[in-house]
C-alpha cells in the first residue's frame, strides 16, 4: 500500500516592512490551506506602537517564569524568526492534527538564504505599513533589546 502525498505549492513570503500580526494571519491561512510557506527577512517585519511601550511590554513577558523550576518553561524566544514563528503558531489550532501538519510546512528565516535569492517573493498589500516607519518597531530591533546576539 503506497502512501500518497498531497501536492502542495511552495510560497516564499518577504516579511520586509509588513506588520507582524497581519502577516502572521495570512501565513496561518496559507498553511491551513495546505501550502508550504517560507518567510524570509523576519527581522525586518514591524510591530506597531511606540518604541518604549512595545519594548517594555516584551521585557515584562521575560519576567514570567515557572515558580517550581525555570527549566520547565515558559520559554521566551529572542530570535526574530522564532518570535514570528510563535506568532504564527498562535493563529493555528496546533493541538489538532491539521494544525500540527500545518506547522511542519512553515519555515521562517532571518535574512534571505541563498536558495531563495532568485525566487519570486510574495507580499500582502493589506499587511504593509501605511504610516511612516517611525510609528513602528522592527522585529530585529526588538530582538536585540530582548538579548538576541544578531547573526
Protein backbone atom coordinates (compact mmCIF):
# COMPACT_ATOMS: atom_id res chain seq x y z
CA UNK A 1 0.00 0.00 0.00
CA UNK A 2 1.52 3.32 -1.07
CA UNK A 3 1.23 6.49 0.90
CA UNK A 4 0.01 9.27 -1.36
CA UNK A 5 1.31 12.73 -0.60
CA UNK A 6 -0.85 15.76 -1.11
CA UNK A 7 0.72 18.09 -3.67
CA UNK A 8 1.49 21.40 -2.02
CA UNK A 9 2.69 24.61 -3.54
CA UNK A 10 5.62 26.48 -2.07
CA UNK A 11 5.11 30.16 -1.31
CA UNK A 12 8.02 32.42 -0.36
CA UNK A 13 6.89 35.48 1.61
CA UNK A 14 9.07 38.56 2.07
CA UNK A 15 8.29 39.99 5.53
CA UNK A 16 10.16 43.25 4.95
CA UNK A 17 8.06 46.24 6.14
CA UNK A 18 5.00 44.08 6.81
CA UNK A 19 3.11 44.30 10.10
CA UNK A 20 3.72 41.09 12.09
CA UNK A 21 0.16 40.32 13.16
CA UNK A 22 -1.36 40.77 9.73
CA UNK A 23 1.47 38.83 8.15
CA UNK A 24 1.00 36.01 10.66
CA UNK A 25 -2.72 35.73 9.92
CA UNK A 26 -2.11 35.49 6.16
CA UNK A 27 0.63 32.90 6.63
CA UNK A 28 -1.53 30.85 9.02
CA UNK A 29 -4.34 30.81 6.46
CA UNK A 30 -1.97 29.66 3.70
CA UNK A 31 -0.59 26.90 5.94
CA UNK A 32 -4.06 25.62 6.83
CA UNK A 33 -4.91 25.51 3.12
CA UNK A 34 -2.05 23.03 2.64
CA UNK A 35 0.65 25.30 1.23
CA UNK A 36 4.31 25.17 2.19
CA UNK A 37 5.28 28.68 3.36
CA UNK A 38 8.79 30.10 3.69
CA UNK A 39 9.05 33.52 5.35
CA UNK A 40 12.28 35.48 4.74
CA UNK A 41 13.53 38.76 6.26
CA UNK A 42 11.76 38.12 9.57
CA UNK A 43 13.94 40.71 11.32
CA UNK A 44 12.59 43.48 9.06
CA UNK A 45 8.92 42.92 9.91
CA UNK A 46 7.20 45.56 12.02
CA UNK A 47 5.31 45.79 15.29
CA UNK A 48 3.05 48.82 15.62
CA UNK A 49 3.20 51.08 18.66
CA UNK A 50 5.50 53.41 20.50
CA UNK A 51 9.02 52.05 20.73
CA UNK A 52 9.36 52.33 24.51
CA UNK A 53 5.98 50.77 25.30
CA UNK A 54 6.48 47.86 22.88
CA UNK A 55 9.94 47.05 24.26
CA UNK A 56 8.78 47.39 27.89
CA UNK A 57 5.82 45.10 27.25
CA UNK A 58 8.09 42.40 25.81
CA UNK A 59 10.61 42.82 28.65
CA UNK A 60 7.79 42.28 31.16
CA UNK A 61 6.97 38.99 29.41
CA UNK A 62 10.55 37.85 30.02
CA UNK A 63 9.98 38.07 33.78
CA UNK A 64 7.29 35.36 33.65
CA UNK A 65 8.81 32.06 34.68
CA UNK A 66 7.93 28.84 36.44
CA UNK A 67 7.60 29.01 40.21
CA UNK A 68 8.82 25.43 40.63
CA UNK A 69 11.70 25.15 38.18
CA UNK A 70 12.61 27.57 35.36
CA UNK A 71 13.77 24.74 33.11
CA UNK A 72 10.12 23.71 32.70
CA UNK A 73 9.30 26.96 30.92
CA UNK A 74 7.72 29.07 29.66
CA UNK A 75 10.44 29.67 27.12
CA UNK A 76 10.76 33.15 25.63
CA UNK A 77 12.15 33.36 22.09
CA UNK A 78 14.65 36.11 21.37
CA UNK A 79 15.47 35.33 17.74
CA UNK A 80 13.20 37.28 15.32
CA UNK A 81 12.49 34.13 13.32
CA UNK A 82 11.38 32.29 16.47
CA UNK A 83 9.26 35.25 17.63
CA UNK A 84 7.45 35.37 14.28
CA UNK A 85 7.05 31.57 14.27
CA UNK A 86 5.42 31.75 17.68
CA UNK A 87 3.05 34.49 16.46
CA UNK A 88 2.01 32.30 13.55
CA UNK A 89 1.71 29.27 15.83
CA UNK A 90 -0.76 31.22 17.97
CA UNK A 91 -3.09 31.52 14.97
CA UNK A 92 -3.12 27.80 14.16
CA UNK A 93 -5.01 25.08 16.06
CA UNK A 94 -1.73 23.33 16.90
CA UNK A 95 -3.26 20.66 19.14
CA UNK A 96 -5.30 19.29 16.24
CA UNK A 97 -3.71 17.12 13.60
CA UNK A 98 -4.30 19.68 10.82
CA UNK A 99 -2.53 22.32 12.93
CA UNK A 100 0.46 20.09 13.63
CA UNK A 101 0.76 19.27 9.93
CA UNK A 102 0.47 22.96 9.04
CA UNK A 103 3.30 23.95 11.39
CA UNK A 104 5.58 21.36 9.80
CA UNK A 105 5.16 23.21 6.48
CA UNK A 106 6.38 26.53 7.93
CA UNK A 107 9.95 27.86 7.72
CA UNK A 108 10.96 31.33 8.95
CA UNK A 109 14.41 32.79 8.26
CA UNK A 110 16.39 35.83 9.34
CA UNK A 111 17.61 37.38 6.09
CA UNK A 112 17.32 35.55 2.78
CA UNK A 113 19.02 32.14 2.39
CA UNK A 114 20.94 31.55 -0.86
CA UNK A 115 18.40 29.09 -2.26
CA UNK A 116 15.63 31.73 -2.10
CA UNK A 117 17.59 34.68 -3.57
CA UNK A 118 16.19 34.34 -7.08
CA UNK A 119 12.74 33.03 -6.18
CA UNK A 120 9.76 35.32 -6.68
CA UNK A 121 8.60 36.56 -3.28
CA UNK A 122 5.03 37.36 -2.25
CA UNK A 123 3.89 40.28 -0.09
CA UNK A 124 0.43 41.12 1.22
CA UNK A 125 -0.89 44.58 0.38
CA UNK A 126 -3.10 44.90 3.45
CA UNK A 127 -0.19 43.94 5.74
CA UNK A 128 2.09 46.74 4.52
CA UNK A 129 2.86 49.65 6.84
CA UNK A 130 0.62 52.59 5.99
CA UNK A 131 2.27 55.12 8.32
CA UNK A 132 5.90 56.26 8.31
CA UNK A 133 8.34 53.69 9.72
CA UNK A 134 8.87 55.80 12.86
CA UNK A 135 5.45 54.60 14.08
CA UNK A 136 6.67 51.00 14.16
CA UNK A 137 9.36 48.89 15.82
CA UNK A 138 11.34 46.48 13.66
CA UNK A 139 11.31 42.93 14.99
CA UNK A 140 15.11 42.77 14.71
CA UNK A 141 15.48 45.86 16.93
CA UNK A 142 13.10 44.37 19.48
CA UNK A 143 15.01 41.08 19.44
CA UNK A 144 18.29 42.92 20.10
CA UNK A 145 16.68 44.56 23.14
CA UNK A 146 15.50 41.14 24.37
CA UNK A 147 19.02 39.68 24.20
CA UNK A 148 19.39 38.36 20.64
CA UNK A 149 23.04 38.47 19.59
CA UNK A 150 22.34 39.01 15.88
CA UNK A 151 23.60 36.84 13.08
